[in-house]
N, C-alpha and C. Protein backbone atom coordinates (compact mmCIF):
# COMPACT_ATOMS: atom_id res chain seq x y z
N ALA A 1 5.93 -43.79 -6.77
CA ALA A 1 6.03 -42.58 -7.63
C ALA A 1 5.67 -41.21 -6.93
N GLY A 2 6.50 -40.50 -7.23
CA GLY A 2 6.39 -38.95 -6.94
C GLY A 2 4.98 -38.45 -7.21
N SER A 3 5.01 -36.99 -6.54
CA SER A 3 3.85 -36.23 -7.02
C SER A 3 3.89 -35.40 -8.35
N GLY A 4 5.66 -35.37 -8.69
CA GLY A 4 5.93 -34.73 -9.78
C GLY A 4 6.19 -33.42 -9.67
N ARG A 5 5.89 -32.69 -8.21
CA ARG A 5 6.06 -31.13 -8.02
C ARG A 5 7.63 -31.05 -7.64
N ASP A 6 7.97 -30.33 -7.88
CA ASP A 6 9.63 -29.53 -7.96
C ASP A 6 9.43 -28.74 -6.89
N PRO A 7 9.94 -28.96 -5.92
CA PRO A 7 9.74 -28.23 -4.68
C PRO A 7 10.52 -26.60 -4.90
N VAL A 8 11.64 -26.93 -5.65
CA VAL A 8 12.38 -25.77 -5.85
C VAL A 8 11.55 -24.53 -6.87
N LEU A 9 11.05 -25.17 -7.68
CA LEU A 9 10.28 -24.58 -9.02
C LEU A 9 9.13 -23.76 -8.08
N ALA A 10 8.41 -24.74 -7.09
CA ALA A 10 6.92 -24.33 -6.74
C ALA A 10 7.65 -23.09 -5.65
N THR A 11 8.84 -23.27 -4.78
CA THR A 11 9.30 -21.94 -4.34
C THR A 11 9.25 -20.66 -4.89
N ASN A 12 10.21 -20.76 -5.93
CA ASN A 12 10.47 -19.79 -7.08
C ASN A 12 8.89 -19.18 -7.46
N ILE A 13 8.30 -19.98 -7.72
CA ILE A 13 6.80 -19.12 -8.15
C ILE A 13 6.21 -18.33 -7.09
N LYS A 14 5.97 -18.96 -5.76
CA LYS A 14 5.68 -18.30 -4.97
C LYS A 14 6.44 -17.02 -4.59
N GLN A 15 7.48 -17.24 -4.52
CA GLN A 15 8.37 -16.10 -4.13
C GLN A 15 8.11 -14.88 -5.14
N SER A 16 8.24 -15.64 -6.74
CA SER A 16 7.88 -14.49 -7.56
C SER A 16 6.50 -13.71 -7.33
N ALA A 17 5.43 -14.50 -7.27
CA ALA A 17 4.10 -14.09 -7.04
C ALA A 17 3.94 -12.88 -5.83
N THR A 18 4.72 -13.57 -4.96
CA THR A 18 4.65 -12.59 -3.43
C THR A 18 5.55 -11.00 -3.56
N LEU A 19 6.76 -11.17 -4.75
CA LEU A 19 7.10 -10.22 -4.93
C LEU A 19 6.41 -9.40 -5.79
N LEU A 20 5.79 -9.45 -6.81
CA LEU A 20 4.74 -9.06 -7.68
C LEU A 20 3.67 -8.49 -7.23
N THR A 21 3.43 -9.37 -6.24
CA THR A 21 1.95 -8.61 -5.50
C THR A 21 2.18 -7.44 -4.42
N GLN A 22 3.48 -7.59 -3.88
CA GLN A 22 4.01 -6.27 -3.16
C GLN A 22 4.50 -5.00 -3.90
N GLU A 23 4.83 -5.27 -5.25
CA GLU A 23 5.26 -4.04 -5.97
C GLU A 23 4.00 -3.80 -6.37
N GLY A 24 3.08 -4.35 -6.46
CA GLY A 24 1.74 -4.15 -7.42
C GLY A 24 1.05 -3.04 -6.34
N LEU A 25 1.03 -3.68 -4.97
CA LEU A 25 0.45 -3.20 -4.16
C LEU A 25 0.95 -1.71 -3.34
N ALA A 26 2.35 -1.43 -3.48
CA ALA A 26 2.86 -0.08 -3.58
C ALA A 26 2.66 0.55 -4.56
N LEU A 27 2.41 0.17 -6.04
CA LEU A 27 2.04 1.02 -6.98
C LEU A 27 0.83 1.73 -6.79
N VAL A 28 -0.21 0.81 -6.75
CA VAL A 28 -1.87 1.19 -6.62
C VAL A 28 -1.85 2.21 -5.41
N ARG A 29 -1.25 1.66 -4.13
CA ARG A 29 -1.35 2.93 -2.91
C ARG A 29 -0.69 3.86 -3.60
N SER A 30 0.41 4.49 -4.15
CA SER A 30 0.81 5.58 -4.62
C SER A 30 -0.19 6.27 -5.55
N LEU A 31 -0.61 5.23 -6.40
CA LEU A 31 -1.84 5.81 -7.20
C LEU A 31 -2.92 6.37 -6.54
N TYR A 32 -3.37 5.78 -5.38
CA TYR A 32 -4.39 5.95 -4.70
C TYR A 32 -4.35 7.41 -3.81
N GLU A 33 -3.17 7.38 -3.08
CA GLU A 33 -2.65 8.15 -2.38
C GLU A 33 -2.68 9.74 -3.39
N TRP A 34 -2.13 9.60 -4.64
CA TRP A 34 -1.85 10.66 -5.65
C TRP A 34 -3.19 11.31 -6.18
N CYS A 35 -3.99 10.54 -6.03
CA CYS A 35 -5.67 10.69 -6.86
C CYS A 35 -6.68 11.47 -5.96
N GLY A 36 -6.09 11.46 -4.32
CA GLY A 36 -6.46 12.08 -3.50
C GLY A 36 -8.32 11.58 -3.23
N THR A 37 -9.23 12.59 -3.04
CA THR A 37 -10.36 11.92 -2.57
C THR A 37 -11.26 11.46 -3.85
N GLU A 38 -10.57 11.85 -5.02
CA GLU A 38 -11.32 11.27 -6.34
C GLU A 38 -11.13 9.83 -6.34
N ALA A 39 -9.97 9.12 -5.63
CA ALA A 39 -9.86 7.80 -5.45
C ALA A 39 -10.75 6.96 -4.76
N LEU A 40 -11.55 7.75 -3.76
CA LEU A 40 -12.76 7.37 -3.42
C LEU A 40 -13.77 6.63 -3.83
N ARG A 41 -14.39 7.43 -5.05
CA ARG A 41 -15.37 7.08 -5.75
C ARG A 41 -15.12 5.71 -6.21
N ASP A 42 -16.18 5.10 -6.52
CA ASP A 42 -16.40 4.12 -7.33
C ASP A 42 -15.77 3.97 -8.69
N GLY A 43 -14.75 3.17 -8.97
CA GLY A 43 -14.22 3.29 -10.54
C GLY A 43 -13.30 2.27 -10.67
N PRO A 44 -12.37 2.29 -11.68
CA PRO A 44 -11.21 1.61 -11.94
C PRO A 44 -10.40 1.69 -10.84
N LEU A 45 -9.93 2.47 -10.54
CA LEU A 45 -8.48 2.73 -9.47
C LEU A 45 -9.07 2.13 -8.08
N GLN A 46 -10.49 2.67 -7.75
CA GLN A 46 -11.21 1.99 -6.59
C GLN A 46 -11.13 0.43 -6.31
N ARG A 47 -11.53 0.18 -7.42
CA ARG A 47 -11.71 -1.00 -7.62
C ARG A 47 -10.19 -1.97 -7.76
N CYS A 48 -9.39 -1.60 -8.47
CA CYS A 48 -8.16 -1.88 -8.54
C CYS A 48 -7.35 -2.21 -6.92
N PHE A 49 -7.41 -0.82 -6.06
CA PHE A 49 -7.15 -0.72 -4.89
C PHE A 49 -7.77 -2.00 -4.17
N ARG A 50 -9.11 -1.93 -4.29
CA ARG A 50 -9.54 -3.23 -3.36
C ARG A 50 -9.19 -4.49 -3.60
N ASP A 51 -9.47 -4.78 -4.80
CA ASP A 51 -9.01 -6.05 -5.46
C ASP A 51 -7.41 -6.62 -5.07
N MET A 52 -6.40 -5.32 -5.12
CA MET A 52 -5.01 -5.71 -4.98
C MET A 52 -4.92 -6.05 -3.28
N HIS A 53 -5.41 -5.30 -2.50
CA HIS A 53 -5.63 -5.82 -1.31
C HIS A 53 -6.38 -7.14 -1.02
N ALA A 54 -7.34 -7.44 -1.76
CA ALA A 54 -7.77 -8.73 -1.34
C ALA A 54 -6.83 -9.55 -1.81
N GLY A 55 -6.37 -9.48 -2.79
CA GLY A 55 -5.47 -10.47 -3.15
C GLY A 55 -4.44 -10.80 -2.55
N SER A 56 -3.93 -9.90 -1.69
CA SER A 56 -2.60 -9.89 -0.85
C SER A 56 -3.23 -10.92 -0.12
N GLN A 57 -4.16 -11.15 0.16
CA GLN A 57 -4.48 -11.84 1.54
C GLN A 57 -4.27 -13.54 1.13
N HIS A 58 -4.12 -13.73 -0.06
CA HIS A 58 -4.12 -15.12 -0.70
C HIS A 58 -2.85 -15.99 -0.24
N VAL A 59 -2.82 -17.27 0.26
CA VAL A 59 -1.89 -17.78 0.81
C VAL A 59 -0.71 -18.22 -0.24
N LEU A 60 -1.16 -17.96 -1.20
CA LEU A 60 -0.05 -17.98 -2.25
C LEU A 60 1.18 -16.78 -2.11
N VAL A 61 0.82 -16.14 -1.70
CA VAL A 61 1.62 -14.53 -1.47
C VAL A 61 1.68 -14.33 -0.03
N GLY A 62 1.94 -15.16 0.90
CA GLY A 62 1.56 -14.84 2.11
C GLY A 62 3.02 -14.32 2.60
N ASP A 63 3.19 -14.03 3.97
CA ASP A 63 4.34 -13.82 4.64
C ASP A 63 5.25 -14.80 4.92
N ARG A 64 4.97 -15.91 4.64
CA ARG A 64 5.96 -16.92 4.93
C ARG A 64 6.92 -17.24 3.70
N ASN A 65 6.39 -16.96 2.71
CA ASN A 65 7.12 -17.13 1.44
C ASN A 65 8.61 -16.74 1.33
N PRO A 66 8.93 -15.43 1.83
CA PRO A 66 10.45 -15.14 1.64
C PRO A 66 11.32 -16.11 2.62
N HIS A 67 10.58 -16.47 3.56
CA HIS A 67 11.54 -17.38 4.70
C HIS A 67 11.50 -18.53 4.07
N GLU A 68 10.46 -19.43 3.30
CA GLU A 68 10.88 -20.55 2.56
C GLU A 68 11.61 -20.49 1.49
N PHE A 69 12.00 -19.16 0.59
CA PHE A 69 12.60 -18.75 -0.17
C PHE A 69 14.23 -18.64 0.56
N ALA A 70 14.27 -18.35 1.35
CA ALA A 70 15.68 -18.19 2.05
C ALA A 70 15.97 -19.34 2.55
N ASP A 71 15.21 -20.09 3.31
CA ASP A 71 15.81 -21.12 3.54
C ASP A 71 16.06 -21.95 2.51
N LEU A 72 15.38 -21.96 1.45
CA LEU A 72 15.73 -23.12 -0.12
C LEU A 72 17.47 -22.75 -0.32
N ARG A 73 17.15 -21.21 -0.23
CA ARG A 73 18.60 -20.59 -0.95
C ARG A 73 20.18 -21.36 0.03
N LEU A 74 19.53 -21.01 1.42
CA LEU A 74 20.47 -21.14 2.28
C LEU A 74 20.86 -22.63 2.45
N ALA A 75 20.04 -23.65 2.05
CA ALA A 75 20.36 -24.87 2.13
C ALA A 75 21.00 -25.47 0.86
N ASP A 76 21.04 -24.95 -0.19
CA ASP A 76 21.68 -25.12 -1.43
C ASP A 76 22.05 -23.99 -2.18
N PRO A 77 23.10 -23.09 -1.83
CA PRO A 77 23.13 -21.75 -2.40
C PRO A 77 23.85 -21.50 -3.91
N ASP A 78 23.69 -22.89 -4.49
CA ASP A 78 24.26 -23.06 -6.08
C ASP A 78 22.63 -23.94 -6.74
N PRO A 79 21.80 -22.96 -7.29
CA PRO A 79 20.91 -23.56 -7.57
C PRO A 79 20.24 -24.32 -9.14
N SER A 80 21.68 -24.11 -9.61
CA SER A 80 21.74 -24.62 -10.96
C SER A 80 21.68 -26.34 -10.92
């Protein structure tokens, strides 16, 4: 009996999570820079900046995910 885990779905989920995390980091970084020294004080933006950077270190959104996604697409260019 298999594990029931679909490797294509798992790779797509990891790729989506990685992309969303990268875009979220870019947005938070832009806001942080735009706010200047006000962003250094304890508050929602500082907490979001810290939490986004901490979350970006999670294995689910690691640097390897885009490579796994590319390997999957190159192996089977027709995902349907």
